[in-house]
Amino acid sequence: FPQDDPDMAEPTMTYLEGFTSATYLEKPSEVDPYLA
């Protein structure tokens, strides 16, 4: 997400979708492996 407005800034996330649920990972330690 854009980081220009600190009040509206959201962290980079990873979205995973399964058969019965969806997961949003927000912690850098969880997101970084997906970025790599």
PDB file of all heavy atoms in Angstrom:
ATOM      1  N   PHE A   1       0.821  -1.206   0.000  1.00  0.00           N
ATOM      2  CA  PHE A   1       0.000   0.000   0.000  1.00  0.00           C
ATOM      3  C   PHE A   1       0.854   1.255   0.000  1.00  0.00           C
ATOM      4  O   PHE A   1       1.969   1.245   0.511  1.00  0.00           O
ATOM      5  CB  PHE A   1      -0.906   0.005   1.234  1.00  0.00           C
ATOM      6  CG  PHE A   1      -1.754  -1.229   1.344  1.00  0.00           C
ATOM      7  CD1 PHE A   1      -1.365  -2.294   2.140  1.00  0.00           C
ATOM      8  CD2 PHE A   1      -2.938  -1.337   0.632  1.00  0.00           C
ATOM      9  CE1 PHE A   1      -2.137  -3.437   2.239  1.00  0.00           C
ATOM     10  CE2 PHE A   1      -3.723  -2.472   0.718  1.00  0.00           C
ATOM     11  CZ  PHE A   1      -3.327  -3.524   1.523  1.00  0.00           C
ATOM     12  N   PRO A   2       0.318   2.357  -0.546  1.00  0.00           N
ATOM     13  CA  PRO A   2       1.053   3.624  -0.515  1.00  0.00           C
ATOM     14  C   PRO A   2       1.342   4.039   0.929  1.00  0.00           C
ATOM     15  O   PRO A   2       0.521   3.823   1.815  1.00  0.00           O
ATOM     16  CB  PRO A   2       0.100   4.630  -1.172  1.00  0.00           C
ATOM     17  CG  PRO A   2      -0.905   3.817  -1.897  1.00  0.00           C
ATOM     18  CD  PRO A   2      -0.977   2.495  -1.203  1.00  0.00           C
ATOM     19  N   GLN A   3       2.499   4.628   1.127  1.00  0.00           N
ATOM     20  CA  GLN A   3       2.900   5.033   2.479  1.00  0.00           C
ATOM     21  C   GLN A   3       2.965   6.549   2.621  1.00  0.00           C
ATOM     22  O   GLN A   3       3.519   7.052   3.598  1.00  0.00           O
ATOM     23  CB  GLN A   3       4.269   4.413   2.819  1.00  0.00           C
ATOM     24  CG  GLN A   3       4.290   2.902   2.772  1.00  0.00           C
ATOM     25  CD  GLN A   3       3.417   2.260   3.832  1.00  0.00           C
ATOM     26  OE1 GLN A   3       3.454   2.634   4.994  1.00  0.00           O
ATOM     27  NE2 GLN A   3       2.617   1.291   3.424  1.00  0.00           N
ATOM     28  N   ASP A   4       2.395   7.306   1.655  1.00  0.00           N
ATOM     29  CA  ASP A   4       2.524   8.774   1.681  1.00  0.00           C
ATOM     30  C   ASP A   4       1.806   9.424   2.858  1.00  0.00           C
ATOM     31  O   ASP A   4       2.237  10.447   3.348  1.00  0.00           O
ATOM     32  CB  ASP A   4       2.046   9.455   0.405  1.00  0.00           C
ATOM     33  CG  ASP A   4       1.523   8.575  -0.682  1.00  0.00           C
ATOM     34  OD1 ASP A   4       1.544   7.364  -0.542  1.00  0.00           O
ATOM     35  OD2 ASP A   4       1.110   9.143  -1.686  1.00  0.00           O
ATOM     36  N   ASP A   5       0.675   8.878   3.291  1.00  0.00           N
ATOM     37  CA  ASP A   5      -0.083   9.458   4.401  1.00  0.00           C
ATOM     38  C   ASP A   5       0.059   8.547   5.617  1.00  0.00           C
ATOM     39  O   ASP A   5      -0.564   7.486   5.673  1.00  0.00           O
ATOM     40  CB  ASP A   5      -1.548   9.608   4.003  1.00  0.00           C
ATOM     41  CG  ASP A   5      -2.387  10.284   5.073  1.00  0.00           C
ATOM     42  OD1 ASP A   5      -1.896  10.493   6.201  1.00  0.00           O
ATOM     43  OD2 ASP A   5      -3.555  10.605   4.770  1.00  0.00           O
ATOM     44  N   PRO A   6       0.849   8.959   6.613  1.00  0.00           N
ATOM     45  CA  PRO A   6       1.093   8.102   7.780  1.00  0.00           C
ATOM     46  C   PRO A   6      -0.191   7.682   8.511  1.00  0.00           C
ATOM     47  O   PRO A   6      -0.245   6.613   9.102  1.00  0.00           O
ATOM     48  CB  PRO A   6       1.973   8.945   8.694  1.00  0.00           C
ATOM     49  CG  PRO A   6       2.498  10.041   7.848  1.00  0.00           C
ATOM     50  CD  PRO A   6       1.563  10.217   6.697  1.00  0.00           C
ATOM     51  N   ASP A   7      -1.234   8.514   8.443  1.00  0.00           N
ATOM     52  CA  ASP A   7      -2.485   8.170   9.123  1.00  0.00           C
ATOM     53  C   ASP A   7      -3.244   7.059   8.402  1.00  0.00           C
ATOM     54  O   ASP A   7      -4.078   6.383   9.004  1.00  0.00           O
ATOM     55  CB  ASP A   7      -3.384   9.402   9.239  1.00  0.00           C
ATOM     56  CG  ASP A   7      -2.786  10.470  10.153  1.00  0.00           C
ATOM     57  OD1 ASP A   7      -2.056  10.089  11.098  1.00  0.00           O
ATOM     58  OD2 ASP A   7      -3.024  11.665   9.907  1.00  0.00           O
ATOM     59  N   MET A   8      -2.983   6.899   7.122  1.00  0.00           N
ATOM     60  CA  MET A   8      -3.693   5.901   6.319  1.00  0.00           C
ATOM     61  C   MET A   8      -2.793   4.723   5.917  1.00  0.00           C
ATOM     62  O   MET A   8      -3.262   3.792   5.264  1.00  0.00           O
ATOM     63  CB  MET A   8      -4.245   6.550   5.043  1.00  0.00           C
ATOM     64  CG  MET A   8      -5.221   7.679   5.289  1.00  0.00           C
ATOM     65  SD  MET A   8      -6.759   7.133   6.047  1.00  0.00           S
ATOM     66  CE  MET A   8      -7.488   6.253   4.695  1.00  0.00           C
ATOM     67  N   ALA A   9      -1.532   4.769   6.286  1.00  0.00           N
ATOM     68  CA  ALA A   9      -0.567   3.753   5.856  1.00  0.00           C
ATOM     69  C   ALA A   9      -0.914   2.378   6.436  1.00  0.00           C
ATOM     70  O   ALA A   9      -1.311   2.261   7.588  1.00  0.00           O
ATOM     71  CB  ALA A   9       0.839   4.152   6.274  1.00  0.00           C
ATOM     72  N   GLU A  10      -0.778   1.375   5.604  1.00  0.00           N
ATOM     73  CA  GLU A  10      -0.973  -0.019   5.998  1.00  0.00           C
ATOM     74  C   GLU A  10       0.327  -0.768   5.732  1.00  0.00           C
ATOM     75  O   GLU A  10       1.036  -0.474   4.777  1.00  0.00           O
ATOM     76  CB  GLU A  10      -2.110  -0.666   5.186  1.00  0.00           C
ATOM     77  CG  GLU A  10      -3.476  -0.117   5.476  1.00  0.00           C
ATOM     78  CD  GLU A  10      -4.029  -0.583   6.812  1.00  0.00           C
ATOM     79  OE1 GLU A  10      -3.584  -1.637   7.325  1.00  0.00           O
ATOM     80  OE2 GLU A  10      -4.895   0.126   7.355  1.00  0.00           O
ATOM     81  N   PRO A  11       0.639  -1.762   6.552  1.00  0.00           N
ATOM     82  CA  PRO A  11       1.858  -2.532   6.301  1.00  0.00           C
ATOM     83  C   PRO A  11       1.692  -3.434   5.079  1.00  0.00           C
ATOM     84  O   PRO A  11       0.569  -3.779   4.692  1.00  0.00           O
ATOM     85  CB  PRO A  11       2.004  -3.377   7.572  1.00  0.00           C
ATOM     86  CG  PRO A  11       0.603  -3.534   8.069  1.00  0.00           C
ATOM     87  CD  PRO A  11      -0.095  -2.237   7.721  1.00  0.00           C
ATOM     88  N   THR A  12       2.805  -3.820   4.488  1.00  0.00           N
ATOM     89  CA  THR A  12       2.768  -4.817   3.424  1.00  0.00           C
ATOM     90  C   THR A  12       2.253  -6.116   4.027  1.00  0.00           C
ATOM     91  O   THR A  12       2.639  -6.496   5.132  1.00  0.00           O
ATOM     92  CB  THR A  12       4.174  -5.016   2.838  1.00  0.00           C
ATOM     93  OG1 THR A  12       4.588  -3.774   2.258  1.00  0.00           O
ATOM     94  CG2 THR A  12       4.202  -6.104   1.784  1.00  0.00           C
ATOM     95  N   MET A  13       1.350  -6.773   3.304  1.00  0.00           N
ATOM     96  CA  MET A  13       0.744  -8.009   3.802  1.00  0.00           C
ATOM     97  C   MET A  13       0.857  -9.100   2.748  1.00  0.00           C
ATOM     98  O   MET A  13       1.021  -8.821   1.567  1.00  0.00           O
ATOM     99  CB  MET A  13      -0.756  -7.808   4.070  1.00  0.00           C
ATOM    100  CG  MET A  13      -1.081  -6.894   5.198  1.00  0.00           C
ATOM    101  SD  MET A  13      -2.875  -6.907   5.415  1.00  0.00           S
ATOM    102  CE  MET A  13      -3.174  -5.151   5.420  1.00  0.00           C
ATOM    103  N   THR A  14       0.739 -10.335   3.203  1.00  0.00           N
ATOM    104  CA  THR A  14       0.626 -11.478   2.309  1.00  0.00           C
ATOM    105  C   THR A  14      -0.745 -12.091   2.522  1.00  0.00           C
ATOM    106  O   THR A  14      -1.162 -12.315   3.661  1.00  0.00           O
ATOM    107  CB  THR A  14       1.713 -12.527   2.588  1.00  0.00           C
ATOM    108  OG1 THR A  14       2.998 -11.923   2.415  1.00  0.00           O
ATOM    109  CG2 THR A  14       1.594 -13.716   1.653  1.00  0.00           C
ATOM    110  N   TYR A  15      -1.448 -12.334   1.424  1.00  0.00           N
ATOM    111  CA  TYR A  15      -2.786 -12.920   1.466  1.00  0.00           C
ATOM    112  C   TYR A  15      -2.704 -14.353   0.975  1.00  0.00           C
ATOM    113  O   TYR A  15      -2.166 -14.623  -0.106  1.00  0.00           O
ATOM    114  CB  TYR A  15      -3.731 -12.095   0.575  1.00  0.00           C
ATOM    115  CG  TYR A  15      -5.088 -12.699   0.378  1.00  0.00           C
ATOM    116  CD1 TYR A  15      -6.041 -12.662   1.387  1.00  0.00           C
ATOM    117  CD2 TYR A  15      -5.427 -13.304  -0.831  1.00  0.00           C
ATOM    118  CE1 TYR A  15      -7.310 -13.199   1.186  1.00  0.00           C
ATOM    119  CE2 TYR A  15      -6.689 -13.844  -1.037  1.00  0.00           C
ATOM    120  CZ  TYR A  15      -7.615 -13.798  -0.020  1.00  0.00           C
ATOM    121  OH  TYR A  15      -8.860 -14.330  -0.215  1.00  0.00           O
ATOM    122  N   LEU A  16      -3.221 -15.270   1.782  1.00  0.00           N
ATOM    123  CA  LEU A  16      -3.258 -16.686   1.432  1.00  0.00           C
ATOM    124  C   LEU A  16      -4.704 -17.140   1.446  1.00  0.00           C
ATOM    125  O   LEU A  16      -5.451 -16.824   2.376  1.00  0.00           O
ATOM    126  CB  LEU A  16      -2.473 -17.519   2.453  1.00  0.00           C
ATOM    127  CG  LEU A  16      -1.043 -17.077   2.736  1.00  0.00           C
ATOM    128  CD1 LEU A  16      -0.481 -17.826   3.935  1.00  0.00           C
ATOM    129  CD2 LEU A  16      -0.188 -17.300   1.514  1.00  0.00           C
ATOM    130  N   GLU A  17      -5.104 -17.873   0.432  1.00  0.00           N
ATOM    131  CA  GLU A  17      -6.489 -18.323   0.343  1.00  0.00           C
ATOM    132  C   GLU A  17      -6.522 -19.835   0.310  1.00  0.00           C
ATOM    133  O   GLU A  17      -5.799 -20.472  -0.459  1.00  0.00           O
ATOM    134  CB  GLU A  17      -7.117 -17.750  -0.919  1.00  0.00           C
ATOM    135  CG  GLU A  17      -8.597 -17.989  -1.033  1.00  0.00           C
ATOM    136  CD  GLU A  17      -9.177 -17.264  -2.229  1.00  0.00           C
ATOM    137  OE1 GLU A  17      -9.087 -16.033  -2.298  1.00  0.00           O
ATOM    138  OE2 GLU A  17      -9.719 -17.962  -3.107  1.00  0.00           O
ATOM    139  N   GLY A  18      -7.362 -20.415   1.157  1.00  0.00           N
ATOM    140  CA  GLY A  18      -7.523 -21.862   1.185  1.00  0.00           C
ATOM    141  C   GLY A  18      -8.945 -22.257   0.826  1.00  0.00           C
ATOM    142  O   GLY A  18      -9.768 -21.408   0.471  1.00  0.00           O
ATOM    143  N   PHE A  19      -9.256 -23.533   0.946  1.00  0.00           N
ATOM    144  CA  PHE A  19     -10.593 -24.025   0.621  1.00  0.00           C
ATOM    145  C   PHE A  19     -11.663 -23.442   1.535  1.00  0.00           C
ATOM    146  O   PHE A  19     -12.769 -23.162   1.104  1.00  0.00           O
ATOM    147  CB  PHE A  19     -10.655 -25.557   0.706  1.00  0.00           C
ATOM    148  CG  PHE A  19      -9.999 -26.254  -0.441  1.00  0.00           C
ATOM    149  CD1 PHE A  19      -8.920 -27.085  -0.224  1.00  0.00           C
ATOM    150  CD2 PHE A  19     -10.451 -26.079  -1.738  1.00  0.00           C
ATOM    151  CE1 PHE A  19      -8.311 -27.730  -1.275  1.00  0.00           C
ATOM    152  CE2 PHE A  19      -9.847 -26.715  -2.799  1.00  0.00           C
ATOM    153  CZ  PHE A  19      -8.774 -27.550  -2.570  1.00  0.00           C
ATOM    154  N   THR A  20     -11.327 -23.284   2.806  1.00  0.00           N
ATOM    155  CA  THR A  20     -12.355 -22.863   3.761  1.00  0.00           C
ATOM    156  C   THR A  20     -12.047 -21.557   4.478  1.00  0.00           C
ATOM    157  O   THR A  20     -12.838 -21.116   5.306  1.00  0.00           O
ATOM    158  CB  THR A  20     -12.562 -23.953   4.832  1.00  0.00           C
ATOM    159  OG1 THR A  20     -11.322 -24.166   5.514  1.00  0.00           O
ATOM    160  CG2 THR A  20     -13.044 -25.256   4.205  1.00  0.00           C
ATOM    161  N   SER A  21     -10.928 -20.941   4.180  1.00  0.00           N
ATOM    162  CA  SER A  21     -10.597 -19.702   4.872  1.00  0.00           C
ATOM    163  C   SER A  21      -9.565 -18.905   4.084  1.00  0.00           C
ATOM    164  O   SER A  21      -8.999 -19.384   3.110  1.00  0.00           O
ATOM    165  CB  SER A  21     -10.038 -20.006   6.268  1.00  0.00           C
ATOM    166  OG  SER A  21      -8.806 -20.689   6.158  1.00  0.00           O
ATOM    167  N   ALA A  22      -9.347 -17.688   4.543  1.00  0.00           N
ATOM    168  CA  ALA A  22      -8.313 -16.822   3.985  1.00  0.00           C
ATOM    169  C   ALA A  22      -7.499 -16.268   5.149  1.00  0.00           C
ATOM    170  O   ALA A  22      -8.030 -16.076   6.247  1.00  0.00           O
ATOM    171  CB  ALA A  22      -8.932 -15.688   3.176  1.00  0.00           C
ATOM    172  N   THR A  23      -6.228 -16.018   4.898  1.00  0.00           N
ATOM    173  CA  THR A  23      -5.341 -15.523   5.950  1.00  0.00           C
ATOM    174  C   THR A  23      -4.577 -14.318   5.443  1.00  0.00           C
ATOM    175  O   THR A  23      -4.105 -14.310   4.306  1.00  0.00           O
ATOM    176  CB  THR A  23      -4.324 -16.619   6.359  1.00  0.00           C
ATOM    177  OG1 THR A  23      -5.043 -17.786   6.762  1.00  0.00           O
ATOM    178  CG2 THR A  23      -3.430 -16.158   7.481  1.00  0.00           C
ATOM    179  N   TYR A  24      -4.465 -13.309   6.283  1.00  0.00           N
ATOM    180  CA  TYR A  24      -3.643 -12.136   6.004  1.00  0.00           C
ATOM    181  C   TYR A  24      -2.466 -12.162   6.966  1.00  0.00           C
ATOM    182  O   TYR A  24      -2.658 -12.146   8.176  1.00  0.00           O
ATOM    183  CB  TYR A  24      -4.437 -10.838   6.220  1.00  0.00           C
ATOM    184  CG  TYR A  24      -5.515 -10.616   5.202  1.00  0.00           C
ATOM    185  CD1 TYR A  24      -6.803 -11.102   5.405  1.00  0.00           C
ATOM    186  CD2 TYR A  24      -5.255  -9.912   4.032  1.00  0.00           C
ATOM    187  CE1 TYR A  24      -7.801 -10.890   4.472  1.00  0.00           C
ATOM    188  CE2 TYR A  24      -6.245  -9.689   3.089  1.00  0.00           C
ATOM    189  CZ  TYR A  24      -7.523 -10.189   3.320  1.00  0.00           C
ATOM    190  OH  TYR A  24      -8.500  -9.978   2.386  1.00  0.00           O
ATOM    191  N   LEU A  25      -1.260 -12.221   6.430  1.00  0.00           N
ATOM    192  CA  LEU A  25      -0.052 -12.180   7.251  1.00  0.00           C
ATOM    193  C   LEU A  25       0.460 -10.747   7.256  1.00  0.00           C
ATOM    194  O   LEU A  25       0.605 -10.142   6.195  1.00  0.00           O
ATOM    195  CB  LEU A  25       1.010 -13.120   6.683  1.00  0.00           C
ATOM    196  CG  LEU A  25       0.592 -14.579   6.485  1.00  0.00           C
ATOM    197  CD1 LEU A  25       1.704 -15.349   5.797  1.00  0.00           C
ATOM    198  CD2 LEU A  25       0.221 -15.212   7.812  1.00  0.00           C
ATOM    199  N   GLU A  26       0.724 -10.197   8.437  1.00  0.00           N
ATOM    200  CA  GLU A  26       1.166  -8.804   8.541  1.00  0.00           C
ATOM    201  C   GLU A  26       2.537  -8.639   9.185  1.00  0.00           C
ATOM    202  O   GLU A  26       3.208  -7.644   8.954  1.00  0.00           O
ATOM    203  CB  GLU A  26       0.150  -7.997   9.346  1.00  0.00           C
ATOM    204  CG  GLU A  26      -1.194  -7.869   8.687  1.00  0.00           C
ATOM    205  CD  GLU A  26      -2.161  -7.016   9.490  1.00  0.00           C
ATOM    206  OE1 GLU A  26      -1.700  -6.177  10.286  1.00  0.00           O
ATOM    207  OE2 GLU A  26      -3.373  -7.197   9.324  1.00  0.00           O
ATOM    208  N   LYS A  27       2.937  -9.594  10.006  1.00  0.00           N
ATOM    209  CA  LYS A  27       4.224  -9.471  10.695  1.00  0.00           C
ATOM    210  C   LYS A  27       5.359  -9.578   9.683  1.00  0.00           C
ATOM    211  O   LYS A  27       5.343 -10.469   8.823  1.00  0.00           O
ATOM    212  CB  LYS A  27       4.381 -10.572  11.739  1.00  0.00           C
ATOM    213  CG  LYS A  27       3.390 -10.506  12.858  1.00  0.00           C
ATOM    214  CD  LYS A  27       3.578 -11.694  13.790  1.00  0.00           C
ATOM    215  CE  LYS A  27       2.485 -11.728  14.826  1.00  0.00           C
ATOM    216  NZ  LYS A  27       2.520 -12.996  15.580  1.00  0.00           N
ATOM    217  N   PRO A  28       6.364  -8.691   9.779  1.00  0.00           N
ATOM    218  CA  PRO A  28       7.492  -8.776   8.844  1.00  0.00           C
ATOM    219  C   PRO A  28       8.123 -10.172   8.782  1.00  0.00           C
ATOM    220  O   PRO A  28       8.496 -10.633   7.705  1.00  0.00           O
ATOM    221  CB  PRO A  28       8.474  -7.736   9.378  1.00  0.00           C
ATOM    222  CG  PRO A  28       7.599  -6.724  10.050  1.00  0.00           C
ATOM    223  CD  PRO A  28       6.475  -7.535  10.672  1.00  0.00           C
ATOM    224  N   SER A  29       8.191 -10.856   9.915  1.00  0.00           N
ATOM    225  CA  SER A  29       8.796 -12.190   9.930  1.00  0.00           C
ATOM    226  C   SER A  29       7.967 -13.201   9.129  1.00  0.00           C
ATOM    227  O   SER A  29       8.488 -14.215   8.667  1.00  0.00           O
ATOM    228  CB  SER A  29       8.970 -12.693  11.362  1.00  0.00           C
ATOM    229  OG  SER A  29       7.708 -12.807  12.007  1.00  0.00           O
ATOM    230  N   GLU A  30       6.673 -12.914   8.935  1.00  0.00           N
ATOM    231  CA  GLU A  30       5.815 -13.783   8.139  1.00  0.00           C
ATOM    232  C   GLU A  30       5.786 -13.351   6.671  1.00  0.00           C
ATOM    233  O   GLU A  30       5.706 -14.183   5.774  1.00  0.00           O
ATOM    234  CB  GLU A  30       4.381 -13.756   8.692  1.00  0.00           C
ATOM    235  CG  GLU A  30       4.262 -14.293  10.096  1.00  0.00           C
ATOM    236  CD  GLU A  30       2.884 -14.051  10.698  1.00  0.00           C
ATOM    237  OE1 GLU A  30       2.215 -13.047  10.342  1.00  0.00           O
ATOM    238  OE2 GLU A  30       2.476 -14.884  11.529  1.00  0.00           O
ATOM    239  N   VAL A  31       5.844 -12.047   6.431  1.00  0.00           N
ATOM    240  CA  VAL A  31       5.742 -11.499   5.074  1.00  0.00           C
ATOM    241  C   VAL A  31       7.066 -11.629   4.317  1.00  0.00           C
ATOM    242  O   VAL A  31       7.080 -11.924   3.120  1.00  0.00           O
ATOM    243  CB  VAL A  31       5.288 -10.022   5.122  1.00  0.00           C
ATOM    244  CG1 VAL A  31       5.322  -9.391   3.741  1.00  0.00           C
ATOM    245  CG2 VAL A  31       3.894  -9.912   5.728  1.00  0.00           C
ATOM    246  N   ASP A  32       8.186 -11.435   5.002  1.00  0.00           N
ATOM    247  CA  ASP A  32       9.498 -11.416   4.343  1.00  0.00           C
ATOM    248  C   ASP A  32       9.816 -12.664   3.511  1.00  0.00           C
ATOM    249  O   ASP A  32      10.346 -12.538   2.405  1.00  0.00           O
ATOM    250  CB  ASP A  32      10.611 -11.153   5.362  1.00  0.00           C
ATOM    251  CG  ASP A  32      10.613  -9.720   5.862  1.00  0.00           C
ATOM    252  OD1 ASP A  32       9.907  -8.869   5.263  1.00  0.00           O
ATOM    253  OD2 ASP A  32      11.314  -9.434   6.858  1.00  0.00           O
ATOM    254  N   PRO A  33       9.500 -13.874   3.985  1.00  0.00           N
ATOM    255  CA  PRO A  33       9.780 -15.037   3.129  1.00  0.00           C
ATOM    256  C   PRO A  33       9.005 -15.004   1.810  1.00  0.00           C
ATOM    257  O   PRO A  33       9.519 -15.434   0.775  1.00  0.00           O
ATOM    258  CB  PRO A  33       9.351 -16.229   3.983  1.00  0.00           C
ATOM    259  CG  PRO A  33       9.421 -15.741   5.392  1.00  0.00           C
ATOM    260  CD  PRO A  33       9.057 -14.285   5.325  1.00  0.00           C
ATOM    261  N   TYR A  34       7.797 -14.474   1.831  1.00  0.00           N
ATOM    262  CA  TYR A  34       7.013 -14.371   0.602  1.00  0.00           C
ATOM    263  C   TYR A  34       7.590 -13.300  -0.322  1.00  0.00           C
ATOM    264  O   TYR A  34       7.614 -13.477  -1.537  1.00  0.00           O
ATOM    265  CB  TYR A  34       5.542 -14.082   0.915  1.00  0.00           C
ATOM    266  CG  TYR A  34       4.848 -15.284   1.514  1.00  0.00           C
ATOM    267  CD1 TYR A  34       4.767 -15.453   2.889  1.00  0.00           C
ATOM    268  CD2 TYR A  34       4.299 -16.271   0.690  1.00  0.00           C
ATOM    269  CE1 TYR A  34       4.143 -16.558   3.444  1.00  0.00           C
ATOM    270  CE2 TYR A  34       3.685 -17.379   1.235  1.00  0.00           C
ATOM    271  CZ  TYR A  34       3.602 -17.525   2.612  1.00  0.00           C
ATOM    272  OH  TYR A  34       3.000 -18.619   3.148  1.00  0.00           O
ATOM    273  N   LEU A  35       8.062 -12.194   0.256  1.00  0.00           N
ATOM    274  CA  LEU A  35       8.707 -11.163  -0.567  1.00  0.00           C
ATOM    275  C   LEU A  35       9.962 -11.718  -1.233  1.00  0.00           C
ATOM    276  O   LEU A  35      10.208 -11.479  -2.421  1.00  0.00           O
ATOM    277  CB  LEU A  35       9.058  -9.936   0.283  1.00  0.00           C
ATOM    278  CG  LEU A  35       7.875  -9.093   0.770  1.00  0.00           C
ATOM    279  CD1 LEU A  35       8.349  -8.058   1.794  1.00  0.00           C
ATOM    280  CD2 LEU A  35       7.180  -8.419  -0.391  1.00  0.00           C
ATOM    281  N   ALA A  36      10.746 -12.481  -0.471  1.00  0.00           N
ATOM    282  CA  ALA A  36      11.962 -13.090  -1.028  1.00  0.00           C
ATOM    283  C   ALA A  36      11.598 -14.117  -2.107  1.00  0.00           C
ATOM    284  O   ALA A  36      12.230 -14.167  -3.167  1.00  0.00           O
ATOM    285  CB  ALA A  36      12.781 -13.747   0.080  1.00  0.00           C
TER     286      ALA A  36
END
